[in-house]
Amino acid sequence: MSNSSKQEKFFIHRGKWLQAKTVEVLETYFGFEGKIFNEYKVDGRGQDVLFLKDELALIIENKAHNEVRFSGVPNVKTIFEQYLARFKKSIQKGYDQCWRVKKNFLQKDEFKITYNQGKNAELITTKNYPNVFSIILTLDEFRTPQINTTDLLTIHPDDDKFPLSISIDDFEVILLTLKKMNKSLNELTKYLKLREQMQGKLRSSEELSIWATFIMNSHFKIPEDKNKSFYPGFKALEVFNHQYEVGMGFRDEKYMKMKKSDTFKHLNKMRKRLIVFDTV
């Protein structure tokens, strides 16, 4: 599809689905508290999603481009150039769009947003939102450079925080888990701040394992030594595996009758114990 004449329509469809999913995930976690601005404008330029609640502001840009599927040509330079081009087109562009909004929070006392084709202007008083985060939500995963955005991303000289770039699937799992565990908005804000501080320090290819560490260790702190890196390990994912076994809360989630009766949990434990022999 991506190589056909329908490529543009294909990615437009993916983008619309991703944006609708983003709003759905926010509404599932926050309910109808706070405000969600979907397809709004700042300084006359279109933006995706802005969420405001209490002292928290989430500036979200959606990117539905997929990661480059390598052709198998053993040319490392070509592979890197292909990956970098798609990274810049997706995650870098998403950050640049987030910055258009974030700079207003950082540099102005108030600013105006509009929606519904420029109508219904709303004034945002920036002192009400001291906790501002840029988030780029992707439909696909971009592997380790998405975990440590410091590797390839260029941020604005007036910005001192690298954004969170995360797939929509992981974002949904994290928020649903926080909701089931009755984590407060303050705890979510704490986790987002920790995640910002860990940019460039991570040795992990799994975003969920990082968040599982935050959730499981209430006293977790970032090491003061700037040369230290963090590797969460696979065991950290157990907190999400447990929630999935008893019912994560997805829309139209599969096996819910079995999960409510604990049957699914027992079957899953048995499956993990089975030895699968290689077949030749």
C-alpha atoms as a PDB file:
ATOM      1  CA  MET A   1       0.000   0.000   0.000  1.00  0.00           C
ATOM      2  CA  SER A   2       2.787   2.443   0.942  1.00  0.00           C
ATOM      3  CA  ASN A   3       4.316   2.002  -2.533  1.00  0.00           C
ATOM      4  CA  SER A   4       1.070   2.550  -4.429  1.00  0.00           C
ATOM      5  CA  SER A   5      -0.800   5.634  -5.641  1.00  0.00           C
ATOM      6  CA  LYS A   6      -3.047   5.306  -2.568  1.00  0.00           C
ATOM      7  CA  GLN A   7      -0.171   5.952  -0.175  1.00  0.00           C
ATOM      8  CA  GLU A   8      -1.345   9.432   0.856  1.00  0.00           C
ATOM      9  CA  LYS A   9      -4.917   8.294   1.562  1.00  0.00           C
ATOM     10  CA  PHE A  10      -3.542   5.334   3.502  1.00  0.00           C
ATOM     11  CA  PHE A  11      -1.475   7.499   5.856  1.00  0.00           C
ATOM     12  CA  ILE A  12      -4.288  10.058   6.224  1.00  0.00           C
ATOM     13  CA  HIS A  13      -6.556   7.225   7.369  1.00  0.00           C
ATOM     14  CA  ARG A  14      -3.904   5.964   9.810  1.00  0.00           C
ATOM     15  CA  GLY A  15      -3.439   9.486  11.161  1.00  0.00           C
ATOM     16  CA  LYS A  16      -7.153  10.040  11.757  1.00  0.00           C
ATOM     17  CA  TRP A  17      -7.447   6.689  13.494  1.00  0.00           C
ATOM     18  CA  LEU A  18      -4.456   7.482  15.726  1.00  0.00           C
ATOM     19  CA  GLN A  19      -5.819  10.867  16.728  1.00  0.00           C
ATOM     20  CA  ALA A  20      -9.253   9.423  17.534  1.00  0.00           C
ATOM     21  CA  LYS A  21      -7.551   6.672  19.561  1.00  0.00           C
ATOM     22  CA  THR A  22      -5.530   9.262  21.475  1.00  0.00           C
ATOM     23  CA  VAL A  23      -8.681  11.088  22.548  1.00  0.00           C
ATOM     24  CA  GLU A  24     -10.332   7.790  23.473  1.00  0.00           C
ATOM     25  CA  VAL A  25      -7.391   6.780  25.691  1.00  0.00           C
ATOM     26  CA  LEU A  26      -7.382  10.168  27.455  1.00  0.00           C
ATOM     27  CA  GLU A  27     -11.116   9.999  28.069  1.00  0.00           C
ATOM     28  CA  THR A  28     -10.849   6.438  29.397  1.00  0.00           C
ATOM     29  CA  TYR A  29      -8.190   7.409  31.926  1.00  0.00           C
ATOM     30  CA  PHE A  30      -9.321  10.890  32.942  1.00  0.00           C
ATOM     31  CA  GLY A  31     -13.052  10.429  32.371  1.00  0.00           C
ATOM     32  CA  PHE A  32     -14.561  13.749  31.387  1.00  0.00           C
ATOM     33  CA  GLU A  33     -12.543  15.731  33.884  1.00  0.00           C
ATOM     34  CA  GLY A  34     -10.224  18.330  32.462  1.00  0.00           C
ATOM     35  CA  LYS A  35     -10.313  19.625  28.899  1.00  0.00           C
ATOM     36  CA  ILE A  36      -9.353  17.957  25.646  1.00  0.00           C
ATOM     37  CA  PHE A  37      -8.759  20.178  22.623  1.00  0.00           C
ATOM     38  CA  ASN A  38      -8.793  18.049  19.482  1.00  0.00           C
ATOM     39  CA  GLU A  39      -7.578  19.648  16.235  1.00  0.00           C
ATOM     40  CA  TYR A  40      -7.002  23.134  17.591  1.00  0.00           C
ATOM     41  CA  LYS A  41      -4.859  26.062  16.493  1.00  0.00           C
ATOM     42  CA  VAL A  42      -2.197  28.188  18.176  1.00  0.00           C
ATOM     43  CA  ASP A  43      -0.902  31.281  16.403  1.00  0.00           C
ATOM     44  CA  GLY A  44      -2.943  30.188  13.394  1.00  0.00           C
ATOM     45  CA  ARG A  45      -1.171  26.825  13.025  1.00  0.00           C
ATOM     46  CA  GLY A  46      -2.897  23.477  13.345  1.00  0.00           C
ATOM     47  CA  GLN A  47      -2.152  21.155  16.267  1.00  0.00           C
ATOM     48  CA  ASP A  48      -3.407  17.698  17.233  1.00  0.00           C
ATOM     49  CA  VAL A  49      -4.390  17.275  20.891  1.00  0.00           C
ATOM     50  CA  LEU A  50      -4.000  19.373  24.041  1.00  0.00           C
ATOM     51  CA  PHE A  51      -5.109  18.040  27.421  1.00  0.00           C
ATOM     52  CA  LEU A  52      -5.456  20.317  30.468  1.00  0.00           C
ATOM     53  CA  LYS A  53      -6.328  19.268  33.996  1.00  0.00           C
ATOM     54  CA  ASP A  54      -5.477  20.928  37.302  1.00  0.00           C
ATOM     55  CA  GLU A  55      -1.761  21.858  36.978  1.00  0.00           C
ATOM     56  CA  LEU A  56      -1.026  19.437  34.120  1.00  0.00           C
ATOM     57  CA  ALA A  57      -0.769  20.158  30.396  1.00  0.00           C
ATOM     58  CA  LEU A  58      -0.106  17.411  27.847  1.00  0.00           C
ATOM     59  CA  ILE A  59       0.827  18.646  24.379  1.00  0.00           C
ATOM     60  CA  ILE A  60       0.330  15.652  22.087  1.00  0.00           C
ATOM     61  CA  GLU A  61       1.204  15.269  18.425  1.00  0.00           C
ATOM     62  CA  ASN A  62       0.288  12.089  16.536  1.00  0.00           C
ATOM     63  CA  LYS A  63       2.530  10.500  13.904  1.00  0.00           C
ATOM     64  CA  ALA A  64       1.236   7.540  11.894  1.00  0.00           C
ATOM     65  CA  HIS A  65       4.227   6.960   9.608  1.00  0.00           C
ATOM     66  CA  ASN A  66       5.734   3.517  10.033  1.00  0.00           C
ATOM     67  CA  GLU A  67       9.375   2.792  10.647  1.00  0.00           C
ATOM     68  CA  VAL A  68      11.423   1.963   7.552  1.00  0.00           C
ATOM     69  CA  ARG A  69      11.443  -1.754   6.797  1.00  0.00           C
ATOM     70  CA  PHE A  70      15.023  -2.484   5.877  1.00  0.00           C
ATOM     71  CA  SER A  71      15.569  -3.890   2.407  1.00  0.00           C
ATOM     72  CA  GLY A  72      18.254  -6.333   3.497  1.00  0.00           C
ATOM     73  CA  VAL A  73      20.969  -4.548   1.533  1.00  0.00           C
ATOM     74  CA  PRO A  74      24.067  -4.869   3.763  1.00  0.00           C
ATOM     75  CA  ASN A  75      24.946  -1.188   3.659  1.00  0.00           C
ATOM     76  CA  VAL A  76      24.938   0.266   7.170  1.00  0.00           C
ATOM     77  CA  LYS A  77      25.135   3.857   5.956  1.00  0.00           C
ATOM     78  CA  THR A  78      22.097   3.421   3.684  1.00  0.00           C
ATOM     79  CA  ILE A  79      20.107   1.747   6.452  1.00  0.00           C
ATOM     80  CA  PHE A  80      20.928   4.542   8.896  1.00  0.00           C
ATOM     81  CA  GLU A  81      20.049   7.259   6.398  1.00  0.00           C
ATOM     82  CA  GLN A  82      16.686   5.606   5.708  1.00  0.00           C
ATOM     83  CA  TYR A  83      15.909   5.281   9.393  1.00  0.00           C
ATOM     84  CA  LEU A  84      17.039   8.836  10.201  1.00  0.00           C
ATOM     85  CA  ALA A  85      14.908  10.306   7.408  1.00  0.00           C
ATOM     86  CA  ARG A  86      11.781   8.580   8.746  1.00  0.00           C
ATOM     87  CA  PHE A  87      12.675   9.515  12.345  1.00  0.00           C
ATOM     88  CA  LYS A  88      12.985  13.172  11.376  1.00  0.00           C
ATOM     89  CA  LYS A  89       9.748  13.056   9.391  1.00  0.00           C
ATOM     90  CA  SER A  90       7.870  11.588  12.342  1.00  0.00           C
ATOM     91  CA  ILE A  91       9.358  12.165  15.794  1.00  0.00           C
ATOM     92  CA  GLN A  92      11.392  15.300  14.998  1.00  0.00           C
ATOM     93  CA  LYS A  93       8.448  16.905  13.221  1.00  0.00           C
ATOM     94  CA  GLY A  94       6.183  15.924  16.112  1.00  0.00           C
ATOM     95  CA  TYR A  95       8.518  17.617  18.588  1.00  0.00           C
ATOM     96  CA  ASP A  96       8.713  20.775  16.452  1.00  0.00           C
ATOM     97  CA  GLN A  97       4.915  20.935  16.419  1.00  0.00           C
ATOM     98  CA  CYS A  98       4.765  20.410  20.203  1.00  0.00           C
ATOM     99  CA  TRP A  99       7.261  23.243  20.690  1.00  0.00           C
ATOM    100  CA  ARG A 100       4.966  25.688  18.895  1.00  0.00           C
ATOM    101  CA  VAL A 101       2.564  25.254  21.824  1.00  0.00           C
ATOM    102  CA  LYS A 102       5.030  24.620  24.637  1.00  0.00           C
ATOM    103  CA  LYS A 103       6.902  27.882  24.024  1.00  0.00           C
ATOM    104  CA  ASN A 104       3.674  29.738  24.797  1.00  0.00           C
ATOM    105  CA  PHE A 105       3.429  28.014  28.167  1.00  0.00           C
ATOM    106  CA  LEU A 106       7.070  28.863  28.923  1.00  0.00           C
ATOM    107  CA  GLN A 107       7.310  32.393  27.527  1.00  0.00           C
ATOM    108  CA  LYS A 108       3.874  33.996  27.914  1.00  0.00           C
ATOM    109  CA  ASP A 109       1.460  34.783  30.730  1.00  0.00           C
ATOM    110  CA  GLU A 110      -1.452  33.771  28.539  1.00  0.00           C
ATOM    111  CA  PHE A 111      -2.183  32.750  24.987  1.00  0.00           C
ATOM    112  CA  LYS A 112      -5.190  32.026  22.824  1.00  0.00           C
ATOM    113  CA  ILE A 113      -6.217  28.799  21.142  1.00  0.00           C
ATOM    114  CA  THR A 114      -8.969  28.387  18.604  1.00  0.00           C
ATOM    115  CA  TYR A 115     -10.877  25.428  17.252  1.00  0.00           C
ATOM    116  CA  ASN A 116     -13.895  24.702  15.050  1.00  0.00           C
ATOM    117  CA  GLN A 117     -12.324  26.379  12.014  1.00  0.00           C
ATOM    118  CA  GLY A 118     -10.974  29.322  13.965  1.00  0.00           C
ATOM    119  CA  LYS A 119     -14.062  29.979  16.049  1.00  0.00           C
ATOM    120  CA  ASN A 120     -14.598  29.723  19.814  1.00  0.00           C
ATOM    121  CA  ALA A 121     -11.317  31.206  21.000  1.00  0.00           C
ATOM    122  CA  GLU A 122     -10.179  30.194  24.469  1.00  0.00           C
ATOM    123  CA  LEU A 123      -7.615  31.967  26.635  1.00  0.00           C
ATOM    124  CA  ILE A 124      -5.048  29.803  28.439  1.00  0.00           C
ATOM    125  CA  THR A 125      -3.470  31.271  31.595  1.00  0.00           C
ATOM    126  CA  THR A 126      -0.061  29.625  31.689  1.00  0.00           C
ATOM    127  CA  LYS A 127       0.637  29.995  35.443  1.00  0.00           C
ATOM    128  CA  ASN A 128      -2.189  27.507  36.032  1.00  0.00           C
ATOM    129  CA  TYR A 129      -0.157  24.776  34.307  1.00  0.00           C
ATOM    130  CA  PRO A 130       3.358  24.511  35.784  1.00  0.00           C
ATOM    131  CA  ASN A 131       3.685  20.884  34.602  1.00  0.00           C
ATOM    132  CA  VAL A 132       3.905  20.896  30.799  1.00  0.00           C
ATOM    133  CA  PHE A 133       4.950  17.832  28.792  1.00  0.00           C
ATOM    134  CA  SER A 134       5.497  17.267  25.085  1.00  0.00           C
ATOM    135  CA  ILE A 135       4.399  13.823  23.894  1.00  0.00           C
ATOM    136  CA  ILE A 136       4.759  12.349  20.398  1.00  0.00           C
ATOM    137  CA  LEU A 137       2.441   9.371  19.976  1.00  0.00           C
ATOM    138  CA  THR A 138       3.337   7.002  17.158  1.00  0.00           C
ATOM    139  CA  LEU A 139       1.303   4.248  15.592  1.00  0.00           C
ATOM    140  CA  ASP A 140       4.384   2.038  15.215  1.00  0.00           C
ATOM    141  CA  GLU A 141       7.468   1.706  17.399  1.00  0.00           C
ATOM    142  CA  PHE A 142      10.789   3.259  16.361  1.00  0.00           C
ATOM    143  CA  ARG A 143      12.970   1.112  18.607  1.00  0.00           C
ATOM    144  CA  THR A 144      15.780   2.458  20.811  1.00  0.00           C
ATOM    145  CA  PRO A 145      16.062   6.012  19.357  1.00  0.00           C
ATOM    146  CA  GLN A 146      12.434   6.453  20.434  1.00  0.00           C
ATOM    147  CA  ILE A 147      13.376   5.392  23.980  1.00  0.00           C
ATOM    148  CA  ASN A 148      16.332   7.804  24.201  1.00  0.00           C
ATOM    149  CA  THR A 149      15.213  10.741  22.083  1.00  0.00           C
ATOM    150  CA  THR A 150      18.499  12.480  22.929  1.00  0.00           C
ATOM    151  CA  ASP A 151      20.239  10.213  20.384  1.00  0.00           C
ATOM    152  CA  LEU A 152      18.740  11.691  17.211  1.00  0.00           C
ATOM    153  CA  LEU A 153      16.353  14.476  18.210  1.00  0.00           C
ATOM    154  CA  THR A 154      17.247  18.171  18.073  1.00  0.00           C
ATOM    155  CA  ILE A 155      15.374  20.331  20.568  1.00  0.00           C
ATOM    156  CA  HIS A 156      14.920  24.109  20.480  1.00  0.00           C
ATOM    157  CA  PRO A 157      17.661  26.190  22.207  1.00  0.00           C
ATOM    158  CA  ASP A 158      15.050  27.598  24.628  1.00  0.00           C
ATOM    159  CA  ASP A 159      13.809  24.135  25.585  1.00  0.00           C
ATOM    160  CA  ASP A 160      15.687  22.091  28.189  1.00  0.00           C
ATOM    161  CA  LYS A 161      13.503  18.966  28.182  1.00  0.00           C
ATOM    162  CA  PHE A 162      13.428  16.209  25.601  1.00  0.00           C
ATOM    163  CA  PRO A 163       9.918  14.951  24.775  1.00  0.00           C
ATOM    164  CA  LEU A 164       8.390  11.580  25.484  1.00  0.00           C
ATOM    165  CA  SER A 165       7.924   9.630  22.261  1.00  0.00           C
ATOM    166  CA  ILE A 166       5.880   6.478  22.713  1.00  0.00           C
ATOM    167  CA  SER A 167       3.632   4.166  20.712  1.00  0.00           C
ATOM    168  CA  ILE A 168      -0.116   4.503  21.221  1.00  0.00           C
ATOM    169  CA  ASP A 169      -0.302   0.868  22.389  1.00  0.00           C
ATOM    170  CA  ASP A 170       2.198   1.430  25.195  1.00  0.00           C
ATOM    171  CA  PHE A 171       0.556   4.746  26.120  1.00  0.00           C
ATOM    172  CA  GLU A 172      -2.809   3.014  26.471  1.00  0.00           C
ATOM    173  CA  VAL A 173      -1.388   0.146  28.558  1.00  0.00           C
ATOM    174  CA  ILE A 174       0.337   2.597  30.922  1.00  0.00           C
ATOM    175  CA  LEU A 175      -2.738   4.772  31.501  1.00  0.00           C
ATOM    176  CA  LEU A 176      -5.090   1.803  31.911  1.00  0.00           C
ATOM    177  CA  THR A 177      -2.716   0.254  34.453  1.00  0.00           C
ATOM    178  CA  LEU A 178      -2.434   3.508  36.397  1.00  0.00           C
ATOM    179  CA  LYS A 179      -6.201   3.763  36.445  1.00  0.00           C
ATOM    180  CA  LYS A 180      -6.673   0.185  37.699  1.00  0.00           C
ATOM    181  CA  MET A 181      -4.069   0.735  40.414  1.00  0.00           C
ATOM    182  CA  ASN A 182      -5.773   3.991  41.476  1.00  0.00           C
ATOM    183  CA  LYS A 183      -2.672   6.084  40.838  1.00  0.00           C
ATOM    184  CA  SER A 184      -3.358   9.783  41.285  1.00  0.00           C
ATOM    185  CA  LEU A 185      -2.754  12.609  38.836  1.00  0.00           C
ATOM    186  CA  ASN A 186       0.174  13.695  41.022  1.00  0.00           C
ATOM    187  CA  GLU A 187       1.742  10.264  40.598  1.00  0.00           C
ATOM    188  CA  LEU A 188       1.317  10.417  36.820  1.00  0.00           C
ATOM    189  CA  THR A 189       3.001  13.833  36.838  1.00  0.00           C
ATOM    190  CA  LYS A 190       5.827  12.414  38.953  1.00  0.00           C
ATOM    191  CA  TYR A 191       6.345   9.559  36.476  1.00  0.00           C
ATOM    192  CA  LEU A 192       6.376  11.950  33.529  1.00  0.00           C
ATOM    193  CA  LYS A 193       9.044  14.061  35.237  1.00  0.00           C
ATOM    194  CA  LEU A 194      11.151  10.986  35.994  1.00  0.00           C
ATOM    195  CA  ARG A 195      10.825   9.875  32.381  1.00  0.00           C
ATOM    196  CA  GLU A 196      12.044  13.287  31.192  1.00  0.00           C
ATOM    197  CA  GLN A 197      15.082  13.082  33.473  1.00  0.00           C
ATOM    198  CA  MET A 198      15.950   9.596  32.192  1.00  0.00           C
ATOM    199  CA  GLN A 199      16.348  10.668  28.580  1.00  0.00           C
ATOM    200  CA  GLY A 200      19.798   9.626  27.417  1.00  0.00           C
ATOM    201  CA  LYS A 201      20.385   7.371  30.428  1.00  0.00           C
ATOM    202  CA  LEU A 202      18.395   4.328  29.322  1.00  0.00           C
ATOM    203  CA  ARG A 203      19.548   0.942  28.148  1.00  0.00           C
ATOM    204  CA  SER A 204      16.269  -0.630  27.175  1.00  0.00           C
ATOM    205  CA  SER A 205      14.289  -1.445  24.065  1.00  0.00           C
ATOM    206  CA  GLU A 206      11.029  -1.697  26.020  1.00  0.00           C
ATOM    207  CA  GLU A 207       9.208   1.470  27.093  1.00  0.00           C
ATOM    208  CA  LEU A 208       6.815  -0.422  29.355  1.00  0.00           C
ATOM    209  CA  SER A 209       9.616  -1.814  31.505  1.00  0.00           C
ATOM    210  CA  ILE A 210      10.695   1.744  32.349  1.00  0.00           C
ATOM    211  CA  TRP A 211       7.218   2.722  33.530  1.00  0.00           C
ATOM    212  CA  ALA A 212       6.822  -0.562  35.404  1.00  0.00           C
ATOM    213  CA  THR A 213       9.902   0.400  37.419  1.00  0.00           C
ATOM    214  CA  PHE A 214       8.313   3.719  38.384  1.00  0.00           C
ATOM    215  CA  ILE A 215       5.057   2.019  39.380  1.00  0.00           C
ATOM    216  CA  MET A 216       6.687  -0.770  41.404  1.00  0.00           C
ATOM    217  CA  ASN A 217       9.255   1.384  43.197  1.00  0.00           C
ATOM    218  CA  SER A 218       7.724   4.424  44.869  1.00  0.00           C
ATOM    219  CA  HIS A 219      11.175   5.551  46.073  1.00  0.00           C
ATOM    220  CA  PHE A 220      12.849   5.380  42.666  1.00  0.00           C
ATOM    221  CA  LYS A 221      15.317   8.214  42.062  1.00  0.00           C
ATOM    222  CA  ILE A 222      17.537   9.228  39.163  1.00  0.00           C
ATOM    223  CA  PRO A 223      21.234   8.631  40.015  1.00  0.00           C
ATOM    224  CA  GLU A 224      23.155  11.869  40.491  1.00  0.00           C
ATOM    225  CA  ASP A 225      26.102  10.482  38.536  1.00  0.00           C
ATOM    226  CA  LYS A 226      25.519  11.688  34.966  1.00  0.00           C
ATOM    227  CA  ASN A 227      27.574   8.803  33.585  1.00  0.00           C
ATOM    228  CA  LYS A 228      25.283   6.135  34.997  1.00  0.00           C
ATOM    229  CA  SER A 229      22.687   4.448  32.806  1.00  0.00           C
ATOM    230  CA  PHE A 230      19.583   2.475  33.730  1.00  0.00           C
ATOM    231  CA  TYR A 231      18.519  -0.989  32.630  1.00  0.00           C
ATOM    232  CA  PRO A 232      15.128  -2.033  34.053  1.00  0.00           C
ATOM    233  CA  GLY A 233      15.232  -5.716  33.102  1.00  0.00           C
ATOM    234  CA  PHE A 234      12.427  -7.927  31.816  1.00  0.00           C
ATOM    235  CA  LYS A 235      11.022  -8.750  35.268  1.00  0.00           C
ATOM    236  CA  ALA A 236       9.696  -5.213  35.496  1.00  0.00           C
ATOM    237  CA  LEU A 237       7.013  -6.063  32.934  1.00  0.00           C
ATOM    238  CA  GLU A 238       5.247  -8.389  35.364  1.00  0.00           C
ATOM    239  CA  VAL A 239       3.094  -5.543  36.671  1.00  0.00           C
ATOM    240  CA  PHE A 240       1.534  -5.172  33.208  1.00  0.00           C
ATOM    241  CA  ASN A 241       1.323  -8.929  32.644  1.00  0.00           C
ATOM    242  CA  HIS A 242      -0.673  -9.239  35.862  1.00  0.00           C
ATOM    243  CA  GLN A 243      -3.109  -6.508  34.821  1.00  0.00           C
ATOM    244  CA  TYR A 244      -3.593  -8.190  31.448  1.00  0.00           C
ATOM    245  CA  GLU A 245      -4.362 -11.531  33.107  1.00  0.00           C
ATOM    246  CA  VAL A 246      -7.157 -10.047  35.227  1.00  0.00           C
ATOM    247  CA  GLY A 247      -8.433  -7.607  32.583  1.00  0.00           C
ATOM    248  CA  MET A 248      -6.547  -4.534  31.422  1.00  0.00           C
ATOM    249  CA  GLY A 249      -9.611  -2.510  30.477  1.00  0.00           C
ATOM    250  CA  PHE A 250      -9.238  -2.379  26.684  1.00  0.00           C
ATOM    251  CA  ARG A 251     -12.339  -1.664  24.671  1.00  0.00           C
ATOM    252  CA  ASP A 252     -13.812  -5.007  23.513  1.00  0.00           C
ATOM    253  CA  GLU A 253     -11.066  -6.842  25.422  1.00  0.00           C
ATOM    254  CA  LYS A 254     -10.760 -10.539  24.610  1.00  0.00           C
ATOM    255  CA  TYR A 255     -11.275 -13.396  27.093  1.00  0.00           C
ATOM    256  CA  MET A 256     -12.981 -11.162  29.681  1.00  0.00           C
ATOM    257  CA  LYS A 257     -15.201 -13.960  31.042  1.00  0.00           C
ATOM    258  CA  MET A 258     -12.139 -16.129  31.596  1.00  0.00           C
ATOM    259  CA  LYS A 259     -10.216 -13.224  33.135  1.00  0.00           C
ATOM    260  CA  LYS A 260     -12.990 -12.406  35.604  1.00  0.00           C
ATOM    261  CA  SER A 261     -13.105 -16.014  36.747  1.00  0.00           C
ATOM    262  CA  ASP A 262      -9.272 -16.278  37.002  1.00  0.00           C
ATOM    263  CA  THR A 263      -9.320 -19.085  34.414  1.00  0.00           C
ATOM    264  CA  PHE A 264      -7.207 -17.073  31.988  1.00  0.00           C
ATOM    265  CA  LYS A 265      -4.552 -16.424  34.653  1.00  0.00           C
ATOM    266  CA  HIS A 266      -4.158 -20.125  35.413  1.00  0.00           C
ATOM    267  CA  LEU A 267      -4.051 -21.077  31.733  1.00  0.00           C
ATOM    268  CA  ASN A 268      -1.437 -18.403  31.092  1.00  0.00           C
ATOM    269  CA  LYS A 269       0.747 -19.765  33.910  1.00  0.00           C
ATOM    270  CA  MET A 270       0.492 -23.241  32.434  1.00  0.00           C
ATOM    271  CA  ARG A 271       1.435 -21.924  28.991  1.00  0.00           C
ATOM    272  CA  LYS A 272       4.585 -20.311  30.416  1.00  0.00           C
ATOM    273  CA  ARG A 273       5.631 -23.619  31.962  1.00  0.00           C
ATOM    274  CA  LEU A 274       5.300 -25.583  28.736  1.00  0.00           C
ATOM    275  CA  ILE A 275       8.526 -26.558  26.986  1.00  0.00           C
ATOM    276  CA  VAL A 276       8.369 -25.934  23.254  1.00  0.00           C
ATOM    277  CA  PHE A 277      10.807 -28.134  21.367  1.00  0.00           C
ATOM    278  CA  ASP A 278      12.447 -26.955  18.176  1.00  0.00           C
ATOM    279  CA  THR A 279      11.201 -28.694  15.067  1.00  0.00           C
ATOM    280  CA  VAL A 280      13.525 -29.408  12.181  1.00  0.00           C
END
